[in-house]
Amino acid sequence: MTLVDLPAVPGLGGLYARGAAASGRLALARRTGGGPTALPDVAYRVRGVRGDLEHLAAFQRLVGEPVADTLPPGFVHVLAFPVATALMARSDFPLPLLGMVHLANVVEQHRPVRYDETLDVVATAGGLRPHRTGTQVDLVVDVTVDDEIVWRGTSTYLAKGVRLGGEAPDDDERVPFDPPLPTGQWRLGKDTGRRYAAVSGDRNPIHLSALSAKALGFPRAIAHGMHTASRLLADVGPARGDAFVCSVDFVKPVLLPATVATSVRRAPTGGATFELAAWHPRTGKPHALGTVRPLS
C-alpha cells in the first residue's frame, strides 16, 4: 500500500465537489460496463492535526457531552473524517461518495485525548463486499500521538443500488428487536442534520433537507449516524471509562423531524459493558443498536 502524505486536512466542501464529479463519471461508466471495481491501494496521512476549543465546545453541547478539554470519541471522528473522505473522493474509488449511507461504526479509544495534543491521522479503505441493497466498504482511521495509537475508528458505508459483482446476502440476519424500557427520549427537529453538519463538516445532501435527500432516494432528510452514536455514548457518560470499544449498527435511518426513544443500560451479564439502543417509540423499530465495553 502506498502511503501518501497530505499537506493538511482537506476541506470537505472541495471533497464533496470532487465526489459529485466522480459520482457522475462512475454512473456513466457503469452504464457502459466500465469503471473501477477495486479499492485504490493507497493510505492517506495528515500530520499535526489539532482540535479547536470553540469547535470542540460546540460539538459537546450539540451531542450532550460535558464541556471539557478532552475530546469525545465522536469529535475525534470529526477531525479525522475529511482524511477518510479524501479517499472516497478519488477518481479511482469504485463507489460514489454522494448518497453513501453509514451502516455501522466501531470506535476503539485507548486513552482520553486532550484538545491540545497534536494528532497524526492515517486513513485506509478495505472490505469491499456485497450488501443486499448494494455494496459496502470499511473506512479505517488510526489516530496517533507521538506514534502511540490513541483512537481507531472503523466506519462501514453502503452505496445503495451499486453492484460490483459477487452474490449479495439473501436476508438480514439481525436478531428481532424487543424495545427495552426507555431511559430517555430525543426530539430532533428537521434542522438536526444541518446543525450536526455545522459542527462536523459532513454536508452529505441526504442529511441537509427533504429536497436534497429525495434526490438521493430518501423520503426526508436523515440524521447523521455519528450524531446518533455520539449522543448515545454521551448518555453512558463517565461510566464508559478511559479506554473502551463502542460498536453501533445503524439499522434504520432517523427521518427528520423525529422523536427517538433511547435506552442505555448495563448488559445482563453484568460488569462494565453497556447496551445502547435508539428506536421509533410508536413502531418499536430500531434506529441504532450498540454496545460499549472496556478495551481489553
C-alpha atoms as a PDB file:
ATOM      1  CA  MET A   1       0.000   0.000   0.000  1.00  0.00           C
ATOM      2  CA  THR A   2       1.283   3.443  -0.926  1.00  0.00           C
ATOM      3  CA  LEU A   3       1.283   5.980   1.926  1.00  0.00           C
ATOM      4  CA  VAL A   4       0.512   9.490   0.709  1.00  0.00           C
ATOM      5  CA  ASP A   5       1.136  12.478   3.000  1.00  0.00           C
ATOM      6  CA  LEU A   6      -1.382  15.268   2.571  1.00  0.00           C
ATOM      7  CA  PRO A   7      -0.169  18.759   3.492  1.00  0.00           C
ATOM      8  CA  ALA A   8      -3.227  19.486   5.663  1.00  0.00           C
ATOM      9  CA  VAL A   9      -6.688  18.216   6.485  1.00  0.00           C
ATOM     10  CA  PRO A  10      -8.608  18.700   3.215  1.00  0.00           C
ATOM     11  CA  GLY A  11     -11.714  20.856   3.124  1.00  0.00           C
ATOM     12  CA  LEU A  12     -14.914  18.854   2.933  1.00  0.00           C
ATOM     13  CA  GLY A  13     -16.569  21.328   0.575  1.00  0.00           C
ATOM     14  CA  GLY A  14     -13.979  20.709  -2.103  1.00  0.00           C
ATOM     15  CA  LEU A  15     -14.078  16.971  -1.465  1.00  0.00           C
ATOM     16  CA  TYR A  16     -17.845  16.822  -1.952  1.00  0.00           C
ATOM     17  CA  ALA A  17     -17.488  18.775  -5.204  1.00  0.00           C
ATOM     18  CA  ARG A  18     -14.877  16.294  -6.409  1.00  0.00           C
ATOM     19  CA  GLY A  19     -17.022  13.434  -5.130  1.00  0.00           C
ATOM     20  CA  ALA A  20     -20.036  14.716  -7.074  1.00  0.00           C
ATOM     21  CA  ALA A  21     -17.991  14.857 -10.287  1.00  0.00           C
ATOM     22  CA  ALA A  22     -16.576  11.384  -9.654  1.00  0.00           C
ATOM     23  CA  SER A  23     -20.067  10.032  -8.903  1.00  0.00           C
ATOM     24  CA  GLY A  24     -21.258  11.277 -12.288  1.00  0.00           C
ATOM     25  CA  ARG A  25     -18.339   9.645 -14.067  1.00  0.00           C
ATOM     26  CA  LEU A  26     -18.926   6.386 -12.185  1.00  0.00           C
ATOM     27  CA  ALA A  27     -22.618   6.349 -13.125  1.00  0.00           C
ATOM     28  CA  LEU A  28     -21.739   6.871 -16.788  1.00  0.00           C
ATOM     29  CA  ALA A  29     -19.019   4.203 -16.676  1.00  0.00           C
ATOM     30  CA  ARG A  30     -21.376   1.663 -15.087  1.00  0.00           C
ATOM     31  CA  ARG A  31     -23.951   2.240 -17.831  1.00  0.00           C
ATOM     32  CA  THR A  32     -21.297   1.385 -20.398  1.00  0.00           C
ATOM     33  CA  GLY A  33     -19.993  -1.599 -18.438  1.00  0.00           C
ATOM     34  CA  GLY A  34     -16.804   0.031 -17.138  1.00  0.00           C
ATOM     35  CA  GLY A  35     -15.415   1.903 -14.155  1.00  0.00           C
ATOM     36  CA  PRO A  36     -13.190   0.856 -11.236  1.00  0.00           C
ATOM     37  CA  THR A  37     -14.175  -2.301  -9.354  1.00  0.00           C
ATOM     38  CA  ALA A  38     -11.391  -2.422  -6.734  1.00  0.00           C
ATOM     39  CA  LEU A  39     -10.288  -0.111  -3.949  1.00  0.00           C
ATOM     40  CA  PRO A  40      -7.233   2.094  -4.511  1.00  0.00           C
ATOM     41  CA  ASP A  41      -4.148   0.645  -2.819  1.00  0.00           C
ATOM     42  CA  VAL A  42      -3.443   3.932  -1.052  1.00  0.00           C
ATOM     43  CA  ALA A  43      -3.411   5.259   2.517  1.00  0.00           C
ATOM     44  CA  TYR A  44      -3.694   8.978   3.269  1.00  0.00           C
ATOM     45  CA  ARG A  45      -1.872  10.568   6.204  1.00  0.00           C
ATOM     46  CA  VAL A  46      -2.101  14.024   7.725  1.00  0.00           C
ATOM     47  CA  ARG A  47       0.312  15.021  10.479  1.00  0.00           C
ATOM     48  CA  GLY A  48      -0.159  17.708  13.100  1.00  0.00           C
ATOM     49  CA  VAL A  49      -3.955  17.761  13.411  1.00  0.00           C
ATOM     50  CA  ARG A  50      -5.220  19.883  16.317  1.00  0.00           C
ATOM     51  CA  GLY A  51      -8.614  20.476  17.842  1.00  0.00           C
ATOM     52  CA  ASP A  52     -10.073  23.933  18.416  1.00  0.00           C
ATOM     53  CA  LEU A  53     -11.672  24.770  21.758  1.00  0.00           C
ATOM     54  CA  GLU A  54     -14.612  26.694  20.304  1.00  0.00           C
ATOM     55  CA  HIS A  55     -15.296  23.944  17.770  1.00  0.00           C
ATOM     56  CA  LEU A  56     -14.953  21.295  20.493  1.00  0.00           C
ATOM     57  CA  ALA A  57     -17.395  23.084  22.828  1.00  0.00           C
ATOM     58  CA  ALA A  58     -19.979  23.438  20.029  1.00  0.00           C
ATOM     59  CA  PHE A  59     -19.783  19.700  19.344  1.00  0.00           C
ATOM     60  CA  GLN A  60     -20.015  18.827  23.039  1.00  0.00           C
ATOM     61  CA  ARG A  61     -23.090  20.983  23.549  1.00  0.00           C
ATOM     62  CA  LEU A  62     -24.834  19.565  20.482  1.00  0.00           C
ATOM     63  CA  VAL A  63     -24.431  15.880  21.436  1.00  0.00           C
ATOM     64  CA  GLY A  64     -24.844  16.296  25.196  1.00  0.00           C
ATOM     65  CA  GLU A  65     -21.245  15.815  26.324  1.00  0.00           C
ATOM     66  CA  PRO A  66     -19.961  17.947  29.219  1.00  0.00           C
ATOM     67  CA  VAL A  67     -17.850  20.866  28.058  1.00  0.00           C
ATOM     68  CA  ALA A  68     -14.310  19.775  28.941  1.00  0.00           C
ATOM     69  CA  ASP A  69     -10.799  19.806  27.467  1.00  0.00           C
ATOM     70  CA  THR A  70     -10.849  16.139  26.438  1.00  0.00           C
ATOM     71  CA  LEU A  71     -12.142  15.106  23.027  1.00  0.00           C
ATOM     72  CA  PRO A  72     -15.285  12.957  22.881  1.00  0.00           C
ATOM     73  CA  PRO A  73     -14.749   9.962  20.575  1.00  0.00           C
ATOM     74  CA  GLY A  74     -17.221  11.430  18.089  1.00  0.00           C
ATOM     75  CA  PHE A  75     -15.188  14.631  17.896  1.00  0.00           C
ATOM     76  CA  VAL A  76     -12.030  12.676  17.042  1.00  0.00           C
ATOM     77  CA  HIS A  77     -14.106  11.162  14.226  1.00  0.00           C
ATOM     78  CA  VAL A  78     -14.986  14.704  13.095  1.00  0.00           C
ATOM     79  CA  LEU A  79     -11.306  15.717  12.996  1.00  0.00           C
ATOM     80  CA  ALA A  80     -10.322  12.594  11.043  1.00  0.00           C
ATOM     81  CA  PHE A  81     -13.380  12.319   8.778  1.00  0.00           C
ATOM     82  CA  PRO A  82     -12.062  14.564   5.959  1.00  0.00           C
ATOM     83  CA  VAL A  83      -8.982  12.347   5.553  1.00  0.00           C
ATOM     84  CA  ALA A  84     -11.171   9.269   5.020  1.00  0.00           C
ATOM     85  CA  THR A  85     -13.478  11.280   2.770  1.00  0.00           C
ATOM     86  CA  ALA A  86     -10.499  12.231   0.600  1.00  0.00           C
ATOM     87  CA  LEU A  87     -10.036   8.539  -0.167  1.00  0.00           C
ATOM     88  CA  MET A  88     -13.700   8.184  -1.159  1.00  0.00           C
ATOM     89  CA  ALA A  89     -13.481  11.271  -3.387  1.00  0.00           C
ATOM     90  CA  ARG A  90     -10.659   9.816  -5.502  1.00  0.00           C
ATOM     91  CA  SER A  91     -11.448   9.221  -9.154  1.00  0.00           C
ATOM     92  CA  ASP A  92     -10.406   5.571  -8.809  1.00  0.00           C
ATOM     93  CA  PHE A  93     -12.624   4.887  -5.772  1.00  0.00           C
ATOM     94  CA  PRO A  94     -15.270   2.427  -7.042  1.00  0.00           C
ATOM     95  CA  LEU A  95     -18.266   3.748  -5.080  1.00  0.00           C
ATOM     96  CA  PRO A  96     -19.998   7.157  -5.333  1.00  0.00           C
ATOM     97  CA  LEU A  97     -19.336   9.454  -2.390  1.00  0.00           C
ATOM     98  CA  LEU A  98     -22.648  11.314  -2.563  1.00  0.00           C
ATOM     99  CA  GLY A  99     -25.533   9.385  -1.036  1.00  0.00           C
ATOM    100  CA  MET A 100     -23.262   6.977   0.850  1.00  0.00           C
ATOM    101  CA  VAL A 101     -25.125   5.596   3.907  1.00  0.00           C
ATOM    102  CA  HIS A 102     -23.374   4.938   7.232  1.00  0.00           C
ATOM    103  CA  LEU A 103     -24.180   1.325   8.233  1.00  0.00           C
ATOM    104  CA  ALA A 104     -22.009   0.794  11.298  1.00  0.00           C
ATOM    105  CA  ASN A 105     -19.252   2.345  13.357  1.00  0.00           C
ATOM    106  CA  VAL A 106     -16.679   0.893  15.748  1.00  0.00           C
ATOM    107  CA  VAL A 107     -14.501   3.156  17.879  1.00  0.00           C
ATOM    108  CA  GLU A 108     -11.572   1.908  19.945  1.00  0.00           C
ATOM    109  CA  GLN A 109     -10.418   4.572  22.369  1.00  0.00           C
ATOM    110  CA  HIS A 110      -7.129   3.619  24.021  1.00  0.00           C
ATOM    111  CA  ARG A 111      -6.974   6.631  26.323  1.00  0.00           C
ATOM    112  CA  PRO A 112      -8.513  10.088  26.643  1.00  0.00           C
ATOM    113  CA  VAL A 113      -7.276  12.597  24.065  1.00  0.00           C
ATOM    114  CA  ARG A 114      -6.684  16.192  25.191  1.00  0.00           C
ATOM    115  CA  TYR A 115      -7.607  19.133  22.980  1.00  0.00           C
ATOM    116  CA  ASP A 116      -4.004  20.448  22.996  1.00  0.00           C
ATOM    117  CA  GLU A 117      -2.417  17.211  21.755  1.00  0.00           C
ATOM    118  CA  THR A 118      -1.093  17.023  18.205  1.00  0.00           C
ATOM    119  CA  LEU A 119      -2.593  14.130  16.256  1.00  0.00           C
ATOM    120  CA  ASP A 120      -1.412  12.167  13.239  1.00  0.00           C
ATOM    121  CA  VAL A 121      -4.243  10.669  11.172  1.00  0.00           C
ATOM    122  CA  VAL A 122      -3.974   7.748   8.722  1.00  0.00           C
ATOM    123  CA  ALA A 123      -6.970   6.579   6.656  1.00  0.00           C
ATOM    124  CA  THR A 124      -7.310   3.378   4.638  1.00  0.00           C
ATOM    125  CA  ALA A 125     -10.170   1.632   2.823  1.00  0.00           C
ATOM    126  CA  GLY A 126     -10.894  -2.097   2.763  1.00  0.00           C
ATOM    127  CA  GLY A 127     -13.543  -4.779   2.998  1.00  0.00           C
ATOM    128  CA  LEU A 128     -15.297  -4.069  -0.300  1.00  0.00           C
ATOM    129  CA  ARG A 129     -18.177  -6.565  -0.326  1.00  0.00           C
ATOM    130  CA  PRO A 130     -21.762  -7.045  -1.493  1.00  0.00           C
ATOM    131  CA  HIS A 131     -24.758  -5.986   0.564  1.00  0.00           C
ATOM    132  CA  ARG A 132     -28.364  -6.988  -0.058  1.00  0.00           C
ATOM    133  CA  THR A 133     -29.099  -3.460  -1.338  1.00  0.00           C
ATOM    134  CA  GLY A 134     -25.760  -2.534  -2.905  1.00  0.00           C
ATOM    135  CA  THR A 135     -22.079  -2.584  -1.969  1.00  0.00           C
ATOM    136  CA  GLN A 136     -20.421  -1.817   1.359  1.00  0.00           C
ATOM    137  CA  VAL A 137     -16.917  -0.742   2.309  1.00  0.00           C
ATOM    138  CA  ASP A 138     -14.916  -0.076   5.500  1.00  0.00           C
ATOM    139  CA  LEU A 139     -13.002   3.154   6.076  1.00  0.00           C
ATOM    140  CA  VAL A 140     -10.457   2.708   8.868  1.00  0.00           C
ATOM    141  CA  VAL A 141      -8.778   5.660  10.569  1.00  0.00           C
ATOM    142  CA  ASP A 142      -5.899   5.411  13.033  1.00  0.00           C
ATOM    143  CA  VAL A 143      -5.073   8.399  15.222  1.00  0.00           C
ATOM    144  CA  THR A 144      -1.713   8.518  16.985  1.00  0.00           C
ATOM    145  CA  VAL A 145       0.119  10.862  19.352  1.00  0.00           C
ATOM    146  CA  ASP A 146       3.903  10.566  19.200  1.00  0.00           C
ATOM    147  CA  ASP A 147       3.469   7.192  17.433  1.00  0.00           C
ATOM    148  CA  GLU A 148       1.161   5.914  20.208  1.00  0.00           C
ATOM    149  CA  ILE A 149      -2.229   4.846  18.911  1.00  0.00           C
ATOM    150  CA  VAL A 150      -4.908   6.602  20.938  1.00  0.00           C
ATOM    151  CA  TRP A 151      -8.016   6.074  18.765  1.00  0.00           C
ATOM    152  CA  ARG A 152      -9.156   3.876  15.905  1.00  0.00           C
ATOM    153  CA  GLY A 153     -12.418   4.235  14.043  1.00  0.00           C
ATOM    154  CA  THR A 154     -13.928   1.821  11.524  1.00  0.00           C
ATOM    155  CA  SER A 155     -16.895   3.171   9.568  1.00  0.00           C
ATOM    156  CA  THR A 156     -18.872   0.863   7.283  1.00  0.00           C
ATOM    157  CA  TYR A 157     -20.647   2.631   4.430  1.00  0.00           C
ATOM    158  CA  LEU A 158     -23.210   1.460   1.879  1.00  0.00           C
ATOM    159  CA  ALA A 159     -23.576   2.554  -1.724  1.00  0.00           C
ATOM    160  CA  LYS A 160     -27.223   1.710  -2.386  1.00  0.00           C
ATOM    161  CA  GLY A 161     -28.022   0.220  -5.768  1.00  0.00           C
ATOM    162  CA  VAL A 162     -24.373  -0.192  -6.785  1.00  0.00           C
ATOM    163  CA  ARG A 163     -23.386  -3.758  -7.692  1.00  0.00           C
ATOM    164  CA  LEU A 164     -19.723  -4.582  -8.192  1.00  0.00           C
ATOM    165  CA  GLY A 165     -20.115  -8.340  -8.517  1.00  0.00           C
ATOM    166  CA  GLY A 166     -20.455 -11.203  -6.090  1.00  0.00           C
ATOM    167  CA  GLU A 167     -23.574 -12.604  -4.505  1.00  0.00           C
ATOM    168  CA  ALA A 168     -25.455 -10.360  -2.094  1.00  0.00           C
ATOM    169  CA  PRO A 169     -26.713 -11.800   1.214  1.00  0.00           C
ATOM    170  CA  ASP A 170     -30.309 -13.012   0.935  1.00  0.00           C
ATOM    171  CA  ASP A 171     -31.560 -11.825   4.307  1.00  0.00           C
ATOM    172  CA  ASP A 172     -30.818  -9.575   7.210  1.00  0.00           C
ATOM    173  CA  GLU A 173     -29.750 -11.962   9.963  1.00  0.00           C
ATOM    174  CA  ARG A 174     -30.290  -9.428  12.726  1.00  0.00           C
ATOM    175  CA  VAL A 175     -31.941 -10.730  15.897  1.00  0.00           C
ATOM    176  CA  PRO A 176     -35.505  -9.338  16.278  1.00  0.00           C
ATOM    177  CA  PHE A 177     -35.536  -6.207  18.421  1.00  0.00           C
ATOM    178  CA  ASP A 178     -37.684  -6.075  21.541  1.00  0.00           C
ATOM    179  CA  PRO A 179     -37.692  -2.472  22.810  1.00  0.00           C
ATOM    180  CA  PRO A 180     -36.460  -2.236  26.405  1.00  0.00           C
ATOM    181  CA  LEU A 181     -37.787   0.181  28.995  1.00  0.00           C
ATOM    182  CA  PRO A 182     -36.731   3.622  27.730  1.00  0.00           C
ATOM    183  CA  THR A 183     -34.223   5.595  29.748  1.00  0.00           C
ATOM    184  CA  GLY A 184     -34.504   8.713  27.592  1.00  0.00           C
ATOM    185  CA  GLN A 185     -36.148  10.399  24.625  1.00  0.00           C
ATOM    186  CA  TRP A 186     -34.821  12.777  21.974  1.00  0.00           C
ATOM    187  CA  ARG A 187     -36.837  15.282  19.993  1.00  0.00           C
ATOM    188  CA  LEU A 188     -34.960  16.019  16.800  1.00  0.00           C
ATOM    189  CA  GLY A 189     -36.020  18.947  14.643  1.00  0.00           C
ATOM    190  CA  LYS A 190     -35.920  18.974  10.859  1.00  0.00           C
ATOM    191  CA  ASP A 191     -32.729  21.048  11.086  1.00  0.00           C
ATOM    192  CA  THR A 192     -30.853  18.379  13.083  1.00  0.00           C
ATOM    193  CA  GLY A 193     -28.846  17.289  10.046  1.00  0.00           C
ATOM    194  CA  ARG A 194     -27.839  20.860   9.260  1.00  0.00           C
ATOM    195  CA  ARG A 195     -26.888  21.531  12.889  1.00  0.00           C
ATOM    196  CA  TYR A 196     -24.670  18.440  13.031  1.00  0.00           C
ATOM    197  CA  ALA A 197     -23.223  19.308   9.615  1.00  0.00           C
ATOM    198  CA  ALA A 198     -22.218  22.717  11.026  1.00  0.00           C
ATOM    199  CA  VAL A 199     -20.040  21.118  13.725  1.00  0.00           C
ATOM    200  CA  SER A 200     -18.874  18.048  11.780  1.00  0.00           C
ATOM    201  CA  GLY A 201     -18.453  19.426   8.271  1.00  0.00           C
ATOM    202  CA  ASP A 202     -20.335  16.378   6.943  1.00  0.00           C
ATOM    203  CA  ARG A 203     -22.687  18.011   4.428  1.00  0.00           C
ATOM    204  CA  ASN A 204     -23.796  14.913   2.585  1.00  0.00           C
ATOM    205  CA  PRO A 205     -27.063  16.016   0.896  1.00  0.00           C
ATOM    206  CA  ILE A 206     -29.023  13.140   2.470  1.00  0.00           C
ATOM    207  CA  HIS A 207     -28.776  14.996   5.801  1.00  0.00           C
ATOM    208  CA  LEU A 208     -29.484  18.578   4.817  1.00  0.00           C
ATOM    209  CA  SER A 209     -33.041  18.910   3.525  1.00  0.00           C
ATOM    210  CA  ALA A 210     -36.011  16.885   2.307  1.00  0.00           C
ATOM    211  CA  LEU A 211     -35.392  18.126  -1.234  1.00  0.00           C
ATOM    212  CA  SER A 212     -31.731  17.080  -1.403  1.00  0.00           C
ATOM    213  CA  ALA A 213     -32.461  13.781   0.389  1.00  0.00           C
ATOM    214  CA  LYS A 214     -35.258  12.915  -2.066  1.00  0.00           C
ATOM    215  CA  ALA A 215     -32.851  13.389  -4.958  1.00  0.00           C
ATOM    216  CA  LEU A 216     -30.823  10.545  -3.474  1.00  0.00           C
ATOM    217  CA  GLY A 217     -33.717   8.195  -2.730  1.00  0.00           C
ATOM    218  CA  PHE A 218     -34.806   9.166   0.806  1.00  0.00           C
ATOM    219  CA  PRO A 219     -38.293  10.468   1.662  1.00  0.00           C
ATOM    220  CA  ARG A 220     -36.899  13.123   4.033  1.00  0.00           C
ATOM    221  CA  ALA A 221     -33.555  14.235   5.391  1.00  0.00           C
ATOM    222  CA  ILE A 222     -31.993  11.687   7.742  1.00  0.00           C
ATOM    223  CA  ALA A 223     -29.920  12.223  10.871  1.00  0.00           C
ATOM    224  CA  HIS A 224     -26.198  11.522  10.693  1.00  0.00           C
ATOM    225  CA  GLY A 225     -25.284   8.139  12.091  1.00  0.00           C
ATOM    226  CA  MET A 226     -22.442   9.667  14.119  1.00  0.00           C
ATOM    227  CA  HIS A 227     -24.848  12.180  15.656  1.00  0.00           C
ATOM    228  CA  THR A 228     -26.918   9.245  16.938  1.00  0.00           C
ATOM    229  CA  ALA A 229     -23.841   7.293  18.088  1.00  0.00           C
ATOM    230  CA  SER A 230     -22.297  10.322  19.806  1.00  0.00           C
ATOM    231  CA  ARG A 231     -25.499  11.104  21.700  1.00  0.00           C
ATOM    232  CA  LEU A 232     -25.848   7.502  22.875  1.00  0.00           C
ATOM    233  CA  LEU A 233     -22.224   7.479  24.033  1.00  0.00           C
ATOM    234  CA  ALA A 234     -22.769  10.778  25.841  1.00  0.00           C
ATOM    235  CA  ASP A 235     -25.702   9.162  27.653  1.00  0.00           C
ATOM    236  CA  VAL A 236     -23.327   6.484  29.001  1.00  0.00           C
ATOM    237  CA  GLY A 237     -21.178   9.257  30.471  1.00  0.00           C
ATOM    238  CA  PRO A 238     -18.089   8.659  32.643  1.00  0.00           C
ATOM    239  CA  ALA A 239     -19.145   5.032  33.260  1.00  0.00           C
ATOM    240  CA  ARG A 240     -17.647   4.148  29.859  1.00  0.00           C
ATOM    241  CA  GLY A 241     -14.156   4.592  31.362  1.00  0.00           C
ATOM    242  CA  ASP A 242     -10.978   5.917  29.777  1.00  0.00           C
ATOM    243  CA  ALA A 243     -10.348   3.012  27.383  1.00  0.00           C
ATOM    244  CA  PHE A 244     -13.267   1.313  25.663  1.00  0.00           C
ATOM    245  CA  VAL A 245     -14.752  -0.075  22.465  1.00  0.00           C
ATOM    246  CA  CYS A 246     -18.049   1.358  21.216  1.00  0.00           C
ATOM    247  CA  SER A 247     -19.828  -0.550  18.432  1.00  0.00           C
ATOM    248  CA  VAL A 248     -23.004   0.800  16.834  1.00  0.00           C
ATOM    249  CA  ASP A 249     -25.108  -0.604  13.998  1.00  0.00           C
ATOM    250  CA  PHE A 250     -27.337   1.904  12.219  1.00  0.00           C
ATOM    251  CA  VAL A 251     -30.395  -0.214  11.471  1.00  0.00           C
ATOM    252  CA  LYS A 252     -32.978   2.205  10.098  1.00  0.00           C
ATOM    253  CA  PRO A 253     -32.424   5.878   9.278  1.00  0.00           C
ATOM    254  CA  VAL A 254     -33.866   8.534  11.578  1.00  0.00           C
ATOM    255  CA  LEU A 255     -36.149  10.532   9.269  1.00  0.00           C
ATOM    256  CA  LEU A 256     -36.271  14.161  10.374  1.00  0.00           C
ATOM    257  CA  PRO A 257     -38.058  15.590  12.258  1.00  0.00           C
ATOM    258  CA  ALA A 258     -38.302  12.708  14.716  1.00  0.00           C
ATOM    259  CA  THR A 259     -38.936  11.596  18.253  1.00  0.00           C
ATOM    260  CA  VAL A 260     -36.497   8.860  19.269  1.00  0.00           C
ATOM    261  CA  ALA A 261     -36.754   6.606  22.317  1.00  0.00           C
ATOM    262  CA  THR A 262     -33.411   5.581  23.819  1.00  0.00           C
ATOM    263  CA  SER A 263     -32.018   3.118  26.303  1.00  0.00           C
ATOM    264  CA  VAL A 264     -28.603   2.918  27.946  1.00  0.00           C
ATOM    265  CA  ARG A 265     -28.311   0.050  30.412  1.00  0.00           C
ATOM    266  CA  ARG A 266     -25.756  -2.357  31.790  1.00  0.00           C
ATOM    267  CA  ALA A 267     -25.630  -5.656  29.950  1.00  0.00           C
ATOM    268  CA  PRO A 268     -27.443  -8.547  31.689  1.00  0.00           C
ATOM    269  CA  THR A 269     -24.088 -10.296  32.067  1.00  0.00           C
ATOM    270  CA  GLY A 270     -23.014  -7.533  34.441  1.00  0.00           C
ATOM    271  CA  GLY A 271     -19.625  -5.880  34.534  1.00  0.00           C
ATOM    272  CA  ALA A 272     -18.797  -2.651  32.725  1.00  0.00           C
ATOM    273  CA  THR A 273     -20.499  -3.439  29.406  1.00  0.00           C
ATOM    274  CA  PHE A 274     -23.440  -1.247  28.382  1.00  0.00           C
ATOM    275  CA  GLU A 275     -26.133  -1.919  25.796  1.00  0.00           C
ATOM    276  CA  LEU A 276     -27.294   1.029  23.689  1.00  0.00           C
ATOM    277  CA  ALA A 277     -30.499   1.383  21.694  1.00  0.00           C
ATOM    278  CA  ALA A 278     -32.438   4.074  19.851  1.00  0.00           C
ATOM    279  CA  TRP A 279     -35.808   3.310  18.256  1.00  0.00           C
ATOM    280  CA  HIS A 280     -39.061   4.712  16.940  1.00  0.00           C
ATOM    281  CA  PRO A 281     -41.333   4.985  20.008  1.00  0.00           C
ATOM    282  CA  ARG A 282     -44.537   4.204  18.099  1.00  0.00           C
ATOM    283  CA  THR A 283     -43.470   1.366  15.775  1.00  0.00           C
ATOM    284  CA  GLY A 284     -40.753  -0.069  18.002  1.00  0.00           C
ATOM    285  CA  LYS A 285     -38.415  -0.370  15.010  1.00  0.00           C
ATOM    286  CA  PRO A 286     -34.759   0.213  15.901  1.00  0.00           C
ATOM    287  CA  HIS A 287     -32.681   3.065  14.535  1.00  0.00           C
ATOM    288  CA  ALA A 288     -29.383   2.143  16.197  1.00  0.00           C
ATOM    289  CA  LEU A 289     -28.156  -0.706  18.410  1.00  0.00           C
ATOM    290  CA  GLY A 290     -24.789  -0.946  20.085  1.00  0.00           C
ATOM    291  CA  THR A 291     -22.540  -1.766  22.992  1.00  0.00           C
ATOM    292  CA  VAL A 292     -19.800  -0.087  24.992  1.00  0.00           C
ATOM    293  CA  ARG A 293     -17.276  -2.331  26.716  1.00  0.00           C
ATOM    294  CA  PRO A 294     -13.850  -1.887  28.291  1.00  0.00           C
ATOM    295  CA  LEU A 295     -10.929  -2.121  25.892  1.00  0.00           C
ATOM    296  CA  SER A 296      -9.089  -5.318  26.731  1.00  0.00           C
END
